[in-house]
Protein backbone atom coordinates (compact mmCIF):
# COMPACT_ATOMS: atom_id res chain seq x y z
CA MET A 1 0.02 -0.02 -0.04
CA LEU A 2 1.29 3.51 -0.83
CA LYS A 3 1.89 5.69 2.12
CA ASN A 4 -0.82 8.20 1.10
CA GLU A 5 -3.54 5.58 0.78
CA LEU A 6 -5.93 4.63 3.57
CA ASP A 7 -8.40 1.82 2.95
CA VAL A 8 -10.73 1.26 5.96
CA SER A 9 -12.14 -2.20 6.60
CA LEU A 10 -15.23 -2.83 8.75
CA SER A 11 -15.75 -5.61 11.30
CA LYS A 12 -18.97 -5.20 13.23
CA ALA A 13 -19.43 -6.38 16.85
CA GLU A 14 -21.41 -9.60 16.96
CA THR A 15 -22.94 -8.70 20.28
CA LEU A 16 -23.87 -5.14 21.30
CA LYS A 17 -23.46 -3.84 24.81
CA GLU A 18 -26.26 -2.74 27.03
CA LYS A 19 -26.58 1.04 26.91
CA PRO A 20 -26.00 2.83 30.23
CA ASP A 21 -28.64 4.97 31.99
CA GLN A 22 -28.56 8.39 30.23
CA ASP A 23 -29.25 10.10 33.55
CA ASN A 24 -26.09 8.68 35.14
CA LEU A 25 -23.42 8.78 32.46
CA GLY A 26 -20.74 10.85 34.23
CA PHE A 27 -17.59 11.31 32.11
CA GLY A 28 -15.50 8.62 30.42
CA GLN A 29 -17.10 5.70 32.28
CA TYR A 30 -18.69 3.82 29.37
CA PHE A 31 -17.40 3.00 25.91
CA THR A 32 -19.26 2.28 22.68
CA ASP A 33 -19.35 -0.95 20.70
CA HIS A 34 -16.75 -0.03 18.13
CA MET A 35 -13.42 1.81 17.65
CA PHE A 36 -11.19 2.92 14.79
CA VAL A 37 -7.60 1.60 14.68
CA MET A 38 -4.76 1.98 12.29
CA LYS A 39 -1.04 1.25 12.39
CA TRP A 40 2.11 3.07 11.12
CA SER A 41 5.56 1.71 10.32
CA ARG A 42 8.48 3.40 8.68
CA GLU A 43 8.28 0.86 5.80
CA GLN A 44 4.50 0.95 5.19
CA GLY A 45 3.27 4.29 6.45
CA TRP A 46 -0.37 4.20 7.64
CA HIS A 47 -1.95 0.82 7.08
CA ASP A 48 -4.38 -1.82 8.44
CA ALA A 49 -7.04 0.87 9.04
CA GLU A 50 -10.14 -0.77 10.51
CA ILE A 51 -13.38 -0.05 12.30
CA ARG A 52 -13.75 -3.01 14.65
CA PRO A 53 -15.34 -4.02 17.99
CA TYR A 54 -14.04 -2.14 21.08
CA GLU A 55 -11.46 -4.44 22.81
CA ASP A 56 -8.18 -4.47 24.63
CA PHE A 57 -4.88 -4.02 22.87
CA HIS A 58 -2.00 -6.46 23.04
CA ILE A 59 1.17 -4.36 23.38
CA ALA A 60 4.69 -5.46 24.16
CA PRO A 61 6.02 -4.52 27.65
CA ALA A 62 8.89 -2.91 25.86
CA ALA A 63 6.58 -0.64 23.79
CA MET A 64 8.29 2.73 23.69
CA VAL A 65 5.18 4.59 24.86
CA PHE A 66 5.61 3.09 28.35
CA HIS A 67 9.27 4.07 28.63
CA TYR A 68 9.65 7.36 26.71
CA GLY A 69 6.18 8.85 26.70
CA GLN A 70 5.40 9.32 23.01
CA ALA A 71 1.59 9.65 23.43
CA ILE A 72 -0.74 12.29 22.08
CA PHE A 73 -4.53 12.69 22.03
CA GLU A 74 -7.50 14.87 21.20
CA GLY A 75 -10.95 15.37 22.59
CA LEU A 76 -14.14 16.44 20.68
CA LYS A 77 -17.84 15.60 20.75
CA ALA A 78 -20.69 14.37 18.58
CA TYR A 79 -24.09 15.99 19.28
CA ARG A 80 -27.74 15.32 18.62
CA GLY A 81 -28.99 18.27 16.71
CA LYS A 82 -32.39 19.36 15.58
CA ASP A 83 -34.43 17.02 13.30
CA GLY A 84 -32.31 14.12 14.48
CA ALA A 85 -29.06 15.34 12.89
CA ILE A 86 -25.72 14.04 14.20
CA LEU A 87 -23.17 16.84 14.26
CA LEU A 88 -19.41 17.25 14.92
CA PHE A 89 -18.05 20.62 16.04
CA ARG A 90 -14.80 21.68 14.30
CA PRO A 91 -13.39 18.09 14.03
CA GLU A 92 -10.90 18.93 11.34
CA ASP A 93 -9.35 21.57 13.65
CA ASN A 94 -8.90 18.86 16.34
CA LEU A 95 -7.19 16.53 13.88
CA LYS A 96 -4.97 19.26 12.59
CA ARG A 97 -4.02 20.05 16.18
CA LEU A 98 -3.20 16.39 16.71
CA ASN A 99 -0.77 16.68 13.76
CA ASN A 100 0.83 19.70 15.44
CA SER A 101 1.30 17.66 18.59
CA ALA A 102 2.71 14.72 16.48
CA VAL A 103 5.35 17.02 14.88
CA ARG A 104 6.41 18.23 18.29
CA MET A 105 6.64 14.71 19.72
CA CYS A 106 8.46 13.32 16.61
CA MET A 107 5.47 11.15 15.63
CA PRO A 108 3.91 10.66 12.18
CA ARG A 109 1.11 12.92 11.02
CA ILE A 110 -2.25 11.44 10.12
CA PRO A 111 -4.12 12.01 6.85
CA VAL A 112 -6.68 14.45 8.23
CA SER A 113 -9.44 14.25 5.58
CA LYS A 114 -9.36 10.44 5.49
CA VAL A 115 -9.33 10.01 9.25
CA LEU A 116 -12.26 12.41 9.39
CA GLN A 117 -14.20 10.29 7.03
CA ALA A 118 -13.39 7.20 9.21
CA MET A 119 -14.45 9.17 12.26
CA LYS A 120 -17.78 10.03 10.67
CA GLY A 121 -18.40 6.40 9.80
CA LEU A 122 -17.48 5.30 13.26
CA VAL A 123 -19.85 7.80 14.92
CA TYR A 124 -22.70 6.78 12.53
CA LEU A 125 -22.13 3.16 13.32
CA ASP A 126 -22.48 3.81 17.06
CA ARG A 127 -25.13 6.53 16.63
CA ASP A 128 -27.44 4.90 19.16
CA TRP A 129 -24.91 5.70 21.81
CA ILE A 130 -25.24 9.46 21.32
CA PRO A 131 -27.34 10.65 24.40
CA GLU A 132 -30.25 12.91 23.77
CA GLY A 133 -30.34 14.83 27.10
CA GLU A 134 -29.60 18.51 27.26
CA GLY A 135 -25.87 19.06 27.63
CA ALA A 136 -25.12 15.43 26.95
CA ALA A 137 -22.94 14.29 23.95
CA LEU A 138 -20.78 11.52 22.67
CA TYR A 139 -17.13 12.24 23.64
CA ILE A 140 -14.54 11.21 20.98
CA ARG A 141 -10.95 10.49 21.93
CA PRO A 142 -8.48 10.17 19.02
CA THR A 143 -5.08 8.86 20.38
CA MET A 144 -1.62 7.95 19.04
CA VAL A 145 1.00 5.99 20.92
CA ALA A 146 4.42 4.55 20.14
CA THR A 147 4.31 0.71 20.00
CA GLU A 148 7.80 -0.45 18.83
CA GLY A 149 8.97 -2.98 21.39
CA ALA A 150 12.56 -1.66 22.04
CA LEU A 151 14.47 0.23 24.61
CA GLY A 152 16.65 3.20 23.70
CA LEU A 153 15.73 6.90 23.55
CA ARG A 154 14.73 7.79 19.98
CA PRO A 155 11.53 8.11 17.98
CA SER A 156 9.67 4.80 17.67
CA SER A 157 9.53 3.10 14.22
CA GLU A 158 5.90 1.92 14.89
CA TYR A 159 2.80 3.69 16.06
CA LEU A 160 -0.89 2.87 16.76
CA PHE A 161 -3.55 5.40 16.15
CA PHE A 162 -7.07 4.77 17.51
CA ILE A 163 -10.40 6.52 18.17
CA ILE A 164 -12.64 5.48 21.06
CA LYS A 165 -15.94 7.06 22.11
CA SER A 166 -17.76 7.50 25.35
CA PRO A 167 -21.28 8.90 26.09
CA VAL A 168 -21.05 11.69 28.61
CA GLY A 169 -23.66 13.53 30.65
CA ALA A 170 -24.15 17.24 31.03
CA TYR A 171 -20.98 18.74 32.67
CA TYR A 172 -23.21 20.90 34.88
CA ALA A 173 -25.67 18.25 35.91
CA GLU A 174 -26.84 20.41 38.84
CA GLY A 175 -26.83 23.70 37.03
CA PHE A 176 -24.43 26.12 35.41
CA SER A 177 -22.49 27.61 38.33
CA PRO A 178 -19.07 29.18 39.02
CA THR A 179 -16.11 27.12 40.18
CA ARG A 180 -13.31 27.74 42.72
CA ILE A 181 -9.79 27.77 41.16
CA TYR A 182 -6.43 27.54 42.96
CA VAL A 183 -3.58 29.64 41.52
CA GLU A 184 -0.52 27.42 41.56
CA ASP A 185 2.78 29.17 42.32
CA LYS A 186 4.98 26.26 43.29
CA TYR A 187 4.58 23.67 40.53
CA VAL A 188 4.70 24.53 36.83
CA ARG A 189 2.97 23.02 33.88
CA ALA A 190 5.19 24.04 30.93
CA VAL A 191 8.37 25.95 30.09
CA PRO A 192 9.35 27.90 26.98
CA GLY A 193 10.79 25.48 24.50
CA GLY A 194 8.99 22.56 26.14
CA VAL A 195 5.91 20.62 25.03
CA GLY A 196 3.22 22.82 26.63
CA GLU A 197 1.51 23.47 23.32
CA ALA A 198 1.27 19.74 22.52
CA LYS A 199 -1.65 17.65 23.76
CA THR A 200 0.68 14.96 25.05
CA ALA A 201 -0.04 12.54 27.97
CA GLY A 202 2.95 13.68 29.95
CA ASN A 203 1.58 17.18 30.42
CA TYR A 204 -1.34 15.79 32.22
CA ALA A 205 0.60 13.35 34.32
CA ALA A 206 2.84 16.21 35.47
CA SER A 207 -0.22 18.20 36.50
CA VAL A 208 -1.86 15.62 38.84
CA LYS A 209 0.24 16.48 41.92
CA ALA A 210 -0.85 20.14 41.87
CA LEU A 211 -4.45 19.22 41.04
CA THR A 212 -4.64 16.79 43.89
CA GLU A 213 -3.31 19.30 46.41
CA ALA A 214 -5.74 21.97 45.11
CA GLN A 215 -8.69 19.65 45.44
CA GLN A 216 -7.63 18.72 49.00
CA LYS A 217 -7.95 22.47 49.73
CA GLY A 218 -11.51 22.54 48.28
CA TYR A 219 -10.75 23.88 44.80
CA THR A 220 -11.94 22.39 41.53
CA GLN A 221 -8.98 23.11 39.29
CA VAL A 222 -5.56 24.78 39.08
CA LEU A 223 -4.65 27.99 37.31
CA TRP A 224 -1.07 27.71 36.12
CA LEU A 225 1.42 30.57 36.14
CA ASP A 226 4.52 30.89 33.88
CA ALA A 227 7.52 28.79 34.80
CA LEU A 228 10.13 31.56 34.75
CA GLU A 229 8.70 34.36 36.88
CA HIS A 230 5.65 32.68 38.44
CA LYS A 231 3.50 35.73 37.72
CA TYR A 232 2.04 35.57 34.27
CA VAL A 233 -1.24 33.65 33.94
CA GLU A 234 -1.19 30.77 31.46
CA GLU A 235 -4.11 28.31 31.55
CA VAL A 236 -6.31 26.14 33.75
CA GLY A 237 -5.67 22.43 33.94
CA THR A 238 -8.49 21.50 31.56
CA SER A 239 -9.24 24.83 29.78
CA ASN A 240 -7.91 28.16 28.54
CA ILE A 241 -8.64 31.10 30.84
CA PHE A 242 -10.39 34.41 30.04
CA PHE A 243 -10.95 37.63 31.99
CA VAL A 244 -13.33 40.50 31.38
CA ILE A 245 -11.62 43.68 32.58
CA ASN A 246 -13.06 47.13 31.74
CA ASP A 247 -15.44 45.47 29.36
CA GLU A 248 -12.50 43.92 27.37
CA LEU A 249 -12.10 40.18 26.93
CA ILE A 250 -8.50 39.25 27.77
CA THR A 251 -6.74 35.85 27.37
CA PRO A 252 -3.07 34.85 27.43
CA PRO A 253 -1.52 34.61 23.97
CA LEU A 254 -0.40 31.34 22.28
CA GLY A 255 3.37 31.15 22.59
CA GLY A 256 4.40 27.50 23.01
CA THR A 257 3.50 26.97 26.65
CA ILE A 258 -0.29 26.72 26.45
CA LEU A 259 -2.71 24.62 24.38
CA ALA A 260 -4.24 26.18 21.32
CA GLY A 261 -7.81 25.39 22.47
CA ILE A 262 -10.54 24.84 19.86
CA THR A 263 -13.11 26.31 22.24
CA ARG A 264 -10.70 29.15 23.03
CA ASP A 265 -10.58 30.02 19.31
CA SER A 266 -14.41 29.76 19.12
CA VAL A 267 -14.85 32.12 22.05
CA LEU A 268 -12.49 34.70 20.49
CA GLN A 269 -14.28 34.56 17.18
CA LEU A 270 -17.76 34.84 18.61
CA ALA A 271 -16.68 37.68 20.87
CA ARG A 272 -15.42 39.61 17.78
CA ASP A 273 -18.59 38.77 15.88
CA TRP A 274 -20.55 40.26 18.78
CA GLY A 275 -18.51 43.47 18.75
CA ILE A 276 -16.75 42.76 22.11
CA ALA A 277 -13.21 44.15 22.47
CA VAL A 278 -10.66 41.30 22.50
CA ASP A 279 -7.04 41.27 23.61
CA GLU A 280 -4.60 38.30 23.54
CA ARG A 281 -1.94 39.47 25.77
CA ARG A 282 0.24 38.54 28.73
CA ILE A 283 -1.52 39.30 32.05
CA THR A 284 -0.05 38.92 35.57
CA ILE A 285 -1.88 37.42 38.52
CA ASP A 286 -1.22 40.72 40.35
CA GLU A 287 -3.16 42.59 37.61
CA VAL A 288 -6.02 40.13 37.96
CA ILE A 289 -6.14 40.67 41.71
CA ALA A 290 -6.01 44.44 41.39
CA ALA A 291 -8.78 44.42 38.86
CA ALA A 292 -10.88 42.25 41.19
CA GLU A 293 -10.23 44.57 44.05
CA ASP A 294 -11.20 47.77 42.18
CA GLY A 295 -14.19 46.19 40.47
CA THR A 296 -12.96 46.35 36.89
CA LEU A 297 -12.64 42.55 36.72
CA THR A 298 -16.24 41.54 36.12
CA GLU A 299 -15.93 38.02 34.89
CA ALA A 300 -13.46 35.15 34.62
CA PHE A 301 -14.12 31.85 32.88
CA GLY A 302 -12.40 28.80 31.40
CA ALA A 303 -13.10 27.46 27.92
CA GLY A 304 -12.68 23.86 26.86
CA THR A 305 -14.30 20.83 25.23
CA ALA A 306 -15.58 19.18 28.39
CA ALA A 307 -17.39 22.11 29.99
CA VAL A 308 -17.57 24.48 27.03
CA ILE A 309 -17.61 27.51 29.41
CA SER A 310 -16.66 27.26 33.06
CA PRO A 311 -17.32 30.44 34.94
CA VAL A 312 -14.92 31.19 37.83
CA GLY A 313 -16.41 32.57 41.05
CA GLU A 314 -13.28 32.55 43.20
CA PHE A 315 -9.54 32.31 42.92
CA GLY A 316 -7.39 31.15 45.81
CA TYR A 317 -3.81 32.63 45.80
CA GLN A 318 -1.15 32.67 48.53
CA GLY A 319 -3.77 32.46 51.27
CA LYS A 320 -5.98 35.11 49.71
CA THR A 321 -9.49 34.65 48.39
CA ILE A 322 -10.23 36.69 45.27
CA MET A 323 -13.99 36.83 44.52
CA ILE A 324 -15.22 37.42 40.97
CA ASN A 325 -18.62 39.01 40.41
CA ASN A 326 -19.73 38.07 43.95
CA GLY A 327 -19.31 34.45 43.02
CA LYS A 328 -21.96 34.65 40.35
CA THR A 329 -21.98 33.69 36.64
CA GLY A 330 -21.37 36.77 34.39
CA ALA A 331 -23.49 37.76 31.42
CA LEU A 332 -20.82 37.01 28.82
CA SER A 333 -20.03 33.62 30.32
CA GLN A 334 -23.73 32.73 30.15
CA ARG A 335 -24.05 34.09 26.54
CA LEU A 336 -21.03 32.12 25.33
CA PHE A 337 -22.19 28.94 27.02
CA ASP A 338 -25.62 29.19 25.54
CA GLY A 339 -24.35 30.31 22.17
CA ILE A 340 -21.71 27.67 21.69
CA GLN A 341 -24.01 24.89 22.75
CA ALA A 342 -26.64 26.13 20.36
CA LEU A 343 -24.06 26.18 17.56
CA GLN A 344 -22.92 22.66 18.40
CA ARG A 345 -26.50 21.35 18.10
CA GLY A 346 -27.34 23.29 14.93
CA MET A 347 -29.77 25.57 16.70
CA MET A 348 -27.92 28.74 15.66
CA GLN A 349 -26.61 29.91 12.26
CA ASP A 350 -23.17 28.45 11.58
CA GLU A 351 -21.49 31.45 9.97
CA HIS A 352 -18.01 30.00 10.23
CA ASN A 353 -18.77 26.47 8.80
CA TRP A 354 -17.69 24.87 12.03
CA LEU A 355 -20.29 22.04 11.93
CA VAL A 356 -19.74 18.69 10.10
CA ARG A 357 -22.87 16.63 9.63
CA VAL A 358 -22.52 12.94 10.12
CA ALA A 359 -26.15 12.07 9.37
């Protein structure tokens, strides 16, 4: 097979799983009947592409992913739209970002258009798994790992790419409400020249210690500061961060240490569409605190695939409590949350051609 070809075979599950209770899905607890898998080798390129029943992998104990951490992934969702439509939100952007991560981690790039076609087929095959409840969706996890069974620090000569799917419930099952965020000034997430902009597994492993300590203090997530001066805001553990100061929407710029969020980009575009002043610039935690104290900081929120928009009601920093908007959800946070969800389900005009229809 030529390296630019991708023929996908289909092997359907003989027995289908019992669907979980749609009112108790949680996140990432259940997995659909099928998955997409393909392999890469230096000699063959991408090959053996297959939609097949969800099952365990058999990987050598010496597989290089276990020893040297070549692992990248993405996260996106399939939605139930109006008139029974099945919709994906900006899937090509997710796959392009996966390729950016692959380049940074010395891994092979995937053929985006062909993988997207395979993804659509996979979602359609498992369409009965897409929940219908408000805020619920089918979470899609494309992943690539190094599988060559060898020791020695170098890029692997073999890789496995796969897509699995999980029905997930509404992120805010008990209502859309602000979260408490701990500002981390001891641990760091990423350094200039590192892999902070890549969606690689090691970034998340490195963040668990800080997250665990923050949760023990009663906070939901961690807000990371820069690694050099410990004063510039970067991102939250699972989302990009935004502030509304003097009616201007401010977010840290992309520069190699934070993830180029798809939801982040959607927020910026919608804000511009709505005539809201936007500034992508460096902002210190001291500026955030000062703006909170003088009342010019009226909102803060995270933006990411899982929650869409996550309003922040409180920051904890060096023993201080910084309240945002009296702990209440701001108007822009609510508008973005409602607007993006409406877009994702085809309930709002898609002026930027972000939606991909599966069926």
